[in-house]
């Protein structure tokens, strides 16, 4: 279920969706997360919709019905097994932590970030582009590389 703050009509994304909460599947879900031409925020709006969709999917996957309904349980496990890959050194503890983290993101308690932006609508020979704030981006990636996420909140938008 996605709650659209405005109606979205985009022929390139193959969608014509009314404003309000609705269940999206198939072409509509894909079009919703990929649409950017009709969005005044362009690619940044697209990123937000992708996060919303992933949170909705994670929330549904983490629901009791996903475990109690054997058909849904099998389908979910099959879908995850075919779409997620891990390194050969990844153990059960790491997978469990990832699952708990995804559940936190789905519940709204997780932290999601975008690379710091200097110019959301820079003009380039190829057209409009989003330019990173190089200094802050380096700081963000350095924090991530350390493996310590406790200081990343400073990169979140208020």
N, C-alpha and C. Protein backbone atom coordinates (compact mmCIF):
# COMPACT_ATOMS: atom_id res chain seq x y z
N UNK A 1 0.84 -1.18 0.00
CA UNK A 1 0.00 0.00 0.00
C UNK A 1 0.88 1.24 0.00
N UNK A 2 0.61 2.14 -0.91
CA UNK A 2 1.32 3.40 -0.99
C UNK A 2 0.29 4.52 -0.89
N UNK A 3 0.66 5.59 -0.22
CA UNK A 3 -0.23 6.75 -0.10
C UNK A 3 0.36 7.90 -0.91
N UNK A 4 -0.26 8.19 -2.03
CA UNK A 4 0.24 9.21 -2.94
C UNK A 4 -0.29 10.58 -2.53
N UNK A 5 0.61 11.55 -2.33
CA UNK A 5 0.17 12.87 -1.92
C UNK A 5 -0.50 13.65 -3.05
N UNK A 6 -0.31 13.18 -4.27
CA UNK A 6 -0.91 13.83 -5.44
C UNK A 6 -1.15 12.77 -6.51
N UNK A 7 -2.06 13.07 -7.42
CA UNK A 7 -2.28 12.18 -8.55
C UNK A 7 -1.03 12.23 -9.44
N UNK A 8 -0.70 11.10 -10.06
CA UNK A 8 0.48 11.04 -10.93
C UNK A 8 0.07 10.44 -12.26
N UNK A 9 0.31 11.21 -13.32
CA UNK A 9 0.07 10.72 -14.67
C UNK A 9 1.36 10.89 -15.45
N UNK A 10 1.93 9.79 -15.89
CA UNK A 10 3.21 9.82 -16.61
C UNK A 10 3.19 8.72 -17.65
N UNK A 11 3.09 9.10 -18.91
CA UNK A 11 2.99 8.09 -19.97
C UNK A 11 4.27 7.29 -20.10
N UNK A 12 5.44 7.92 -19.84
CA UNK A 12 6.70 7.19 -19.94
C UNK A 12 6.83 6.13 -18.84
N UNK A 13 6.25 6.39 -17.69
CA UNK A 13 6.28 5.44 -16.58
C UNK A 13 5.08 4.48 -16.64
N UNK A 14 4.19 4.71 -17.60
CA UNK A 14 3.00 3.87 -17.80
C UNK A 14 2.07 3.86 -16.60
N UNK A 15 1.87 5.06 -16.01
CA UNK A 15 0.98 5.14 -14.85
C UNK A 15 0.01 6.31 -14.97
N UNK A 16 -1.14 6.12 -14.37
CA UNK A 16 -2.15 7.16 -14.21
C UNK A 16 -2.82 6.84 -12.87
N UNK A 17 -2.22 7.34 -11.79
CA UNK A 17 -2.64 6.97 -10.45
C UNK A 17 -3.33 8.12 -9.74
N UNK A 18 -4.44 7.84 -9.07
CA UNK A 18 -5.12 8.90 -8.32
C UNK A 18 -4.40 9.20 -7.01
N UNK A 19 -4.68 10.36 -6.46
CA UNK A 19 -4.17 10.74 -5.15
C UNK A 19 -4.79 9.82 -4.11
N UNK A 20 -4.04 9.53 -3.05
CA UNK A 20 -4.58 8.76 -1.94
C UNK A 20 -3.91 7.41 -1.76
N UNK A 21 -4.34 6.69 -0.73
CA UNK A 21 -3.76 5.38 -0.40
C UNK A 21 -4.37 4.30 -1.29
N UNK A 22 -3.51 3.43 -1.78
CA UNK A 22 -3.94 2.36 -2.69
C UNK A 22 -2.89 1.27 -2.75
N UNK A 23 -3.32 0.07 -3.10
CA UNK A 23 -2.40 -1.03 -3.31
C UNK A 23 -1.87 -0.97 -4.72
N UNK A 24 -0.55 -0.98 -4.85
CA UNK A 24 0.07 -0.96 -6.17
C UNK A 24 0.72 -2.32 -6.42
N UNK A 25 0.59 -2.80 -7.63
CA UNK A 25 1.27 -4.03 -7.98
C UNK A 25 1.69 -3.95 -9.44
N UNK A 26 2.64 -4.78 -9.80
CA UNK A 26 3.06 -4.88 -11.19
C UNK A 26 3.50 -3.58 -11.81
N UNK A 27 2.89 -3.25 -12.95
CA UNK A 27 3.27 -2.08 -13.73
C UNK A 27 3.11 -0.79 -12.92
N UNK A 28 2.05 -0.68 -12.12
CA UNK A 28 1.84 0.54 -11.35
C UNK A 28 2.92 0.75 -10.29
N UNK A 29 3.31 -0.32 -9.60
CA UNK A 29 4.36 -0.19 -8.58
C UNK A 29 5.69 0.19 -9.23
N UNK A 30 6.02 -0.47 -10.32
CA UNK A 30 7.27 -0.17 -11.00
C UNK A 30 7.25 1.26 -11.55
N UNK A 31 6.15 1.64 -12.17
CA UNK A 31 6.03 3.00 -12.69
C UNK A 31 6.11 4.04 -11.60
N UNK A 32 5.50 3.77 -10.45
CA UNK A 32 5.50 4.71 -9.34
C UNK A 32 6.93 4.97 -8.84
N UNK A 33 7.72 3.92 -8.68
CA UNK A 33 9.07 4.13 -8.16
C UNK A 33 10.03 4.65 -9.22
N UNK A 34 9.72 4.48 -10.48
CA UNK A 34 10.64 4.94 -11.54
C UNK A 34 10.28 6.32 -12.09
N UNK A 35 9.06 6.76 -11.88
CA UNK A 35 8.60 8.05 -12.43
C UNK A 35 9.43 9.19 -11.89
N UNK A 36 9.81 10.11 -12.78
CA UNK A 36 10.54 11.28 -12.33
C UNK A 36 10.23 12.51 -13.17
N UNK A 37 9.74 12.34 -14.38
CA UNK A 37 9.52 13.49 -15.26
C UNK A 37 8.39 14.38 -14.76
N UNK A 38 7.36 13.79 -14.16
CA UNK A 38 6.24 14.58 -13.66
C UNK A 38 6.46 15.03 -12.22
N UNK A 39 7.60 14.67 -11.66
CA UNK A 39 7.90 15.02 -10.27
C UNK A 39 8.76 16.28 -10.26
N UNK A 40 8.32 17.33 -9.57
CA UNK A 40 9.12 18.55 -9.52
C UNK A 40 10.50 18.35 -8.89
N UNK A 41 10.66 17.28 -8.10
CA UNK A 41 11.95 16.99 -7.47
C UNK A 41 12.81 16.05 -8.30
N UNK A 42 12.31 15.59 -9.45
CA UNK A 42 13.09 14.75 -10.35
C UNK A 42 13.61 13.49 -9.70
N UNK A 43 14.91 13.27 -9.85
CA UNK A 43 15.53 12.05 -9.33
C UNK A 43 15.48 11.96 -7.81
N UNK A 44 15.49 13.10 -7.14
CA UNK A 44 15.42 13.07 -5.67
C UNK A 44 14.05 12.58 -5.21
N UNK A 45 13.00 12.97 -5.90
CA UNK A 45 11.67 12.44 -5.59
C UNK A 45 11.59 10.96 -5.87
N UNK A 46 12.26 10.54 -6.93
CA UNK A 46 12.30 9.12 -7.29
C UNK A 46 12.95 8.31 -6.17
N UNK A 47 14.04 8.81 -5.61
CA UNK A 47 14.72 8.13 -4.51
C UNK A 47 13.78 7.98 -3.32
N UNK A 48 13.03 9.04 -3.00
CA UNK A 48 12.10 8.98 -1.87
C UNK A 48 11.01 7.93 -2.11
N UNK A 49 10.48 7.87 -3.33
CA UNK A 49 9.44 6.88 -3.62
C UNK A 49 10.00 5.46 -3.57
N UNK A 50 11.25 5.27 -3.99
CA UNK A 50 11.86 3.95 -3.91
C UNK A 50 12.01 3.52 -2.46
N UNK A 51 12.39 4.46 -1.60
CA UNK A 51 12.49 4.14 -0.16
C UNK A 51 11.13 3.78 0.42
N UNK A 52 10.11 4.56 0.04
CA UNK A 52 8.75 4.27 0.53
C UNK A 52 8.32 2.87 0.11
N UNK A 53 8.59 2.52 -1.14
CA UNK A 53 8.18 1.20 -1.64
C UNK A 53 8.94 0.09 -0.91
N UNK A 54 10.25 0.24 -0.74
CA UNK A 54 11.03 -0.78 -0.03
C UNK A 54 10.55 -0.92 1.41
N UNK A 55 10.23 0.19 2.07
CA UNK A 55 9.72 0.11 3.44
C UNK A 55 8.38 -0.61 3.48
N UNK A 56 7.52 -0.35 2.51
CA UNK A 56 6.21 -1.02 2.47
C UNK A 56 6.38 -2.52 2.23
N UNK A 57 7.30 -2.88 1.35
CA UNK A 57 7.56 -4.30 1.08
C UNK A 57 8.14 -4.98 2.32
N UNK A 58 9.10 -4.32 2.97
CA UNK A 58 9.71 -4.89 4.17
C UNK A 58 8.67 -5.05 5.28
N UNK A 59 7.80 -4.06 5.42
CA UNK A 59 6.76 -4.13 6.45
C UNK A 59 5.83 -5.31 6.20
N UNK A 60 5.45 -5.49 4.95
CA UNK A 60 4.56 -6.60 4.62
C UNK A 60 5.28 -7.94 4.81
N UNK A 61 6.56 -7.99 4.42
CA UNK A 61 7.33 -9.22 4.58
C UNK A 61 7.52 -9.58 6.05
N UNK A 62 7.63 -8.57 6.92
CA UNK A 62 7.86 -8.80 8.34
C UNK A 62 6.57 -9.06 9.12
N UNK A 63 5.45 -9.06 8.45
CA UNK A 63 4.18 -9.25 9.15
C UNK A 63 3.98 -10.72 9.52
N UNK A 64 3.20 -10.99 10.56
CA UNK A 64 2.93 -12.37 10.97
C UNK A 64 2.32 -13.22 9.83
N UNK A 65 1.55 -12.60 8.98
CA UNK A 65 0.93 -13.35 7.88
C UNK A 65 1.98 -13.96 6.95
N UNK A 66 3.16 -13.36 6.88
CA UNK A 66 4.21 -13.90 6.01
C UNK A 66 4.77 -15.21 6.55
N UNK A 67 4.65 -15.41 7.85
CA UNK A 67 5.13 -16.65 8.45
C UNK A 67 4.01 -17.66 8.62
N UNK A 68 2.82 -17.19 8.95
CA UNK A 68 1.71 -18.09 9.24
C UNK A 68 1.05 -18.68 7.99
N UNK A 69 1.10 -17.97 6.89
CA UNK A 69 0.52 -18.46 5.64
C UNK A 69 1.62 -19.20 4.88
N UNK A 70 1.51 -20.54 4.76
CA UNK A 70 2.60 -21.30 4.14
C UNK A 70 2.86 -20.92 2.68
N UNK A 71 1.84 -20.53 1.95
CA UNK A 71 2.04 -20.14 0.55
C UNK A 71 2.81 -18.82 0.47
N UNK A 72 2.42 -17.90 1.32
CA UNK A 72 3.12 -16.61 1.35
C UNK A 72 4.55 -16.78 1.86
N UNK A 73 4.73 -17.63 2.87
CA UNK A 73 6.05 -17.90 3.42
C UNK A 73 6.97 -18.48 2.35
N UNK A 74 6.48 -19.46 1.61
CA UNK A 74 7.27 -20.08 0.56
C UNK A 74 7.59 -19.05 -0.54
N UNK A 75 6.60 -18.29 -0.95
CA UNK A 75 6.81 -17.29 -1.99
C UNK A 75 7.82 -16.23 -1.58
N UNK A 76 7.72 -15.77 -0.34
CA UNK A 76 8.65 -14.76 0.16
C UNK A 76 10.07 -15.31 0.21
N UNK A 77 10.22 -16.51 0.75
CA UNK A 77 11.56 -17.10 0.84
C UNK A 77 12.16 -17.36 -0.53
N UNK A 78 11.34 -17.81 -1.46
CA UNK A 78 11.82 -18.04 -2.83
C UNK A 78 12.24 -16.72 -3.47
N UNK A 79 11.43 -15.68 -3.31
CA UNK A 79 11.75 -14.38 -3.90
C UNK A 79 13.04 -13.81 -3.31
N UNK A 80 13.19 -13.91 -1.99
CA UNK A 80 14.41 -13.39 -1.35
C UNK A 80 15.62 -14.20 -1.80
N UNK A 81 15.49 -15.51 -1.83
CA UNK A 81 16.62 -16.36 -2.21
C UNK A 81 17.09 -16.10 -3.63
N UNK A 82 16.19 -15.73 -4.51
CA UNK A 82 16.59 -15.50 -5.90
C UNK A 82 17.00 -14.06 -6.18
N UNK A 83 16.76 -13.15 -5.22
CA UNK A 83 17.09 -11.75 -5.49
C UNK A 83 18.14 -11.16 -4.57
N UNK A 84 18.52 -11.86 -3.53
CA UNK A 84 19.52 -11.37 -2.59
C UNK A 84 20.70 -12.33 -2.61
N UNK A 85 21.88 -11.78 -2.73
CA UNK A 85 23.06 -12.63 -2.66
C UNK A 85 23.97 -12.13 -1.55
N UNK A 86 24.67 -13.04 -0.94
CA UNK A 86 25.59 -12.70 0.13
C UNK A 86 26.94 -13.34 -0.16
N UNK A 87 27.96 -12.83 0.48
CA UNK A 87 29.29 -13.41 0.33
C UNK A 87 29.39 -14.74 1.03
N UNK A 88 30.36 -15.54 0.63
CA UNK A 88 30.49 -16.87 1.23
C UNK A 88 30.87 -16.82 2.70
N UNK A 89 31.39 -15.68 3.16
CA UNK A 89 31.74 -15.54 4.57
C UNK A 89 30.61 -14.95 5.42
N UNK A 90 29.46 -14.68 4.80
CA UNK A 90 28.33 -14.11 5.53
C UNK A 90 27.64 -15.22 6.32
N UNK A 91 27.55 -15.02 7.63
CA UNK A 91 26.96 -16.04 8.50
C UNK A 91 25.54 -15.70 8.90
N UNK A 92 24.95 -16.60 9.67
CA UNK A 92 23.57 -16.43 10.12
C UNK A 92 23.39 -15.19 10.99
N UNK A 93 24.39 -14.86 11.80
CA UNK A 93 24.29 -13.69 12.66
C UNK A 93 24.18 -12.43 11.81
N UNK A 94 25.03 -12.32 10.79
CA UNK A 94 24.99 -11.15 9.91
C UNK A 94 23.66 -11.06 9.17
N UNK A 95 23.15 -12.19 8.72
CA UNK A 95 21.84 -12.19 8.04
C UNK A 95 20.73 -11.79 8.99
N UNK A 96 20.80 -12.27 10.23
CA UNK A 96 19.80 -11.89 11.22
C UNK A 96 19.84 -10.40 11.52
N UNK A 97 21.04 -9.85 11.65
CA UNK A 97 21.18 -8.41 11.89
C UNK A 97 20.62 -7.61 10.72
N UNK A 98 20.88 -8.08 9.50
CA UNK A 98 20.34 -7.39 8.33
C UNK A 98 18.81 -7.41 8.36
N UNK A 99 18.24 -8.56 8.71
CA UNK A 99 16.78 -8.66 8.79
C UNK A 99 16.20 -7.72 9.83
N UNK A 100 16.83 -7.64 10.99
CA UNK A 100 16.36 -6.73 12.04
C UNK A 100 16.50 -5.27 11.61
N UNK A 101 17.57 -4.97 10.91
CA UNK A 101 17.76 -3.61 10.41
C UNK A 101 16.67 -3.26 9.41
N UNK A 102 16.37 -4.17 8.48
CA UNK A 102 15.32 -3.93 7.49
C UNK A 102 13.97 -3.75 8.18
N UNK A 103 13.73 -4.52 9.23
CA UNK A 103 12.48 -4.37 9.97
C UNK A 103 12.41 -2.98 10.61
N UNK A 104 13.54 -2.51 11.13
CA UNK A 104 13.59 -1.17 11.71
C UNK A 104 13.31 -0.10 10.68
N UNK A 105 13.88 -0.24 9.50
CA UNK A 105 13.63 0.72 8.43
C UNK A 105 12.16 0.69 8.05
N UNK A 106 11.59 -0.50 7.93
CA UNK A 106 10.18 -0.63 7.57
C UNK A 106 9.28 0.00 8.63
N UNK A 107 9.70 -0.08 9.90
CA UNK A 107 8.91 0.50 10.99
C UNK A 107 9.14 1.98 11.19
N UNK A 108 10.04 2.56 10.42
CA UNK A 108 10.29 3.99 10.52
C UNK A 108 11.39 4.36 11.51
N UNK A 109 12.02 3.37 12.15
CA UNK A 109 13.06 3.70 13.13
C UNK A 109 14.46 3.62 12.53
N UNK A 110 14.55 3.22 11.29
CA UNK A 110 15.86 3.12 10.65
C UNK A 110 16.31 4.46 10.09
N UNK A 111 17.54 4.52 9.69
CA UNK A 111 18.11 5.74 9.12
C UNK A 111 18.36 5.51 7.64
N UNK A 112 17.79 6.36 6.81
CA UNK A 112 18.06 6.32 5.39
C UNK A 112 18.69 7.64 4.98
N UNK A 113 19.63 7.56 4.08
CA UNK A 113 20.38 8.75 3.69
C UNK A 113 20.46 8.87 2.18
N UNK A 114 20.72 10.07 1.74
CA UNK A 114 21.06 10.35 0.35
C UNK A 114 22.41 11.05 0.38
N UNK A 115 23.22 10.79 -0.61
CA UNK A 115 24.51 11.49 -0.68
C UNK A 115 24.23 12.99 -0.64
N UNK A 116 24.95 13.75 0.17
CA UNK A 116 24.71 15.19 0.27
C UNK A 116 24.75 15.87 -1.10
N UNK A 117 23.78 16.75 -1.33
CA UNK A 117 23.59 17.39 -2.64
C UNK A 117 24.05 18.84 -2.59
N UNK A 118 24.81 19.25 -3.61
CA UNK A 118 25.21 20.65 -3.75
C UNK A 118 24.23 21.39 -4.65
N UNK A 119 23.78 20.72 -5.72
CA UNK A 119 22.88 21.35 -6.68
C UNK A 119 21.92 20.29 -7.22
N UNK A 120 20.64 20.38 -6.89
CA UNK A 120 19.68 19.37 -7.35
C UNK A 120 19.26 19.53 -8.81
N UNK A 121 19.65 20.63 -9.43
CA UNK A 121 19.21 20.88 -10.81
C UNK A 121 20.31 21.56 -11.61
N UNK A 122 21.48 20.95 -11.63
CA UNK A 122 22.62 21.53 -12.37
C UNK A 122 22.41 21.34 -13.87
N UNK A 123 22.81 22.31 -14.63
CA UNK A 123 22.70 22.24 -16.08
C UNK A 123 24.02 21.69 -16.64
N UNK A 124 23.92 20.62 -17.44
CA UNK A 124 25.09 20.01 -18.06
C UNK A 124 24.82 19.88 -19.55
N UNK A 125 25.85 19.61 -20.36
CA UNK A 125 25.62 19.40 -21.79
C UNK A 125 24.65 18.25 -22.07
N UNK A 126 24.56 17.30 -21.14
CA UNK A 126 23.65 16.17 -21.31
C UNK A 126 22.25 16.46 -20.78
N UNK A 127 22.06 17.60 -20.13
CA UNK A 127 20.76 17.95 -19.54
C UNK A 127 20.91 18.24 -18.06
N UNK A 128 19.81 18.14 -17.35
CA UNK A 128 19.78 18.40 -15.92
C UNK A 128 20.46 17.26 -15.16
N UNK A 129 21.16 17.60 -14.09
CA UNK A 129 21.85 16.60 -13.28
C UNK A 129 21.82 17.01 -11.82
N UNK A 130 21.98 16.04 -10.94
CA UNK A 130 22.10 16.27 -9.52
C UNK A 130 23.59 16.20 -9.18
N UNK A 131 24.12 17.26 -8.58
CA UNK A 131 25.54 17.27 -8.22
C UNK A 131 25.72 17.08 -6.73
N UNK A 132 26.63 16.20 -6.38
CA UNK A 132 26.95 15.95 -4.98
C UNK A 132 27.70 17.13 -4.38
N UNK A 133 27.58 17.26 -3.07
CA UNK A 133 28.44 18.12 -2.29
C UNK A 133 29.67 17.26 -2.01
N UNK A 134 30.73 17.44 -2.78
CA UNK A 134 31.88 16.53 -2.73
C UNK A 134 32.50 16.40 -1.35
N UNK A 135 32.64 17.49 -0.63
CA UNK A 135 33.27 17.44 0.69
C UNK A 135 32.42 16.62 1.66
N UNK A 136 31.13 16.93 1.73
CA UNK A 136 30.25 16.18 2.65
C UNK A 136 30.08 14.73 2.20
N UNK A 137 30.09 14.48 0.87
CA UNK A 137 29.99 13.10 0.38
C UNK A 137 31.21 12.29 0.83
N UNK A 138 32.39 12.88 0.75
CA UNK A 138 33.60 12.19 1.21
C UNK A 138 33.49 11.87 2.70
N UNK A 139 32.97 12.81 3.48
CA UNK A 139 32.80 12.58 4.92
C UNK A 139 31.83 11.43 5.17
N UNK A 140 30.72 11.42 4.44
CA UNK A 140 29.72 10.36 4.59
C UNK A 140 30.33 9.00 4.27
N UNK A 141 31.00 8.90 3.12
CA UNK A 141 31.57 7.61 2.72
C UNK A 141 32.69 7.17 3.66
N UNK A 142 33.44 8.12 4.22
CA UNK A 142 34.48 7.78 5.19
C UNK A 142 33.86 7.17 6.45
N UNK A 143 32.74 7.74 6.91
CA UNK A 143 32.04 7.19 8.08
C UNK A 143 31.54 5.77 7.79
N UNK A 144 30.98 5.58 6.62
CA UNK A 144 30.47 4.25 6.25
C UNK A 144 31.62 3.25 6.16
N UNK A 145 32.75 3.67 5.56
CA UNK A 145 33.91 2.79 5.41
C UNK A 145 34.47 2.35 6.76
N UNK A 146 34.33 3.20 7.78
CA UNK A 146 34.80 2.84 9.12
C UNK A 146 33.96 1.72 9.72
N UNK A 147 32.74 1.57 9.23
CA UNK A 147 31.86 0.56 9.78
C UNK A 147 31.09 1.02 11.00
N UNK A 148 31.23 2.28 11.34
CA UNK A 148 30.55 2.85 12.49
C UNK A 148 29.47 3.81 11.99
N UNK A 149 28.22 3.42 12.16
CA UNK A 149 27.13 4.25 11.64
C UNK A 149 26.56 5.21 12.68
N UNK A 150 27.16 5.27 13.85
CA UNK A 150 26.60 6.09 14.93
C UNK A 150 26.63 7.59 14.65
N UNK A 151 27.46 8.04 13.71
CA UNK A 151 27.57 9.47 13.42
C UNK A 151 26.88 9.87 12.12
N UNK A 152 26.15 8.95 11.50
CA UNK A 152 25.55 9.25 10.20
C UNK A 152 24.32 10.14 10.28
N UNK A 153 23.71 10.25 11.44
CA UNK A 153 22.50 11.08 11.56
C UNK A 153 22.75 12.53 11.14
N UNK A 154 23.97 12.97 11.25
CA UNK A 154 24.26 14.37 10.87
C UNK A 154 24.09 14.61 9.37
N UNK A 155 24.02 13.53 8.58
CA UNK A 155 23.82 13.67 7.14
C UNK A 155 22.35 13.58 6.75
N UNK A 156 21.50 13.22 7.69
CA UNK A 156 20.07 13.11 7.41
C UNK A 156 19.47 14.51 7.32
N UNK A 157 18.50 14.63 6.43
CA UNK A 157 17.80 15.93 6.33
C UNK A 157 16.81 16.04 7.46
N UNK A 158 16.63 17.24 8.02
CA UNK A 158 15.68 17.41 9.14
C UNK A 158 14.25 17.19 8.68
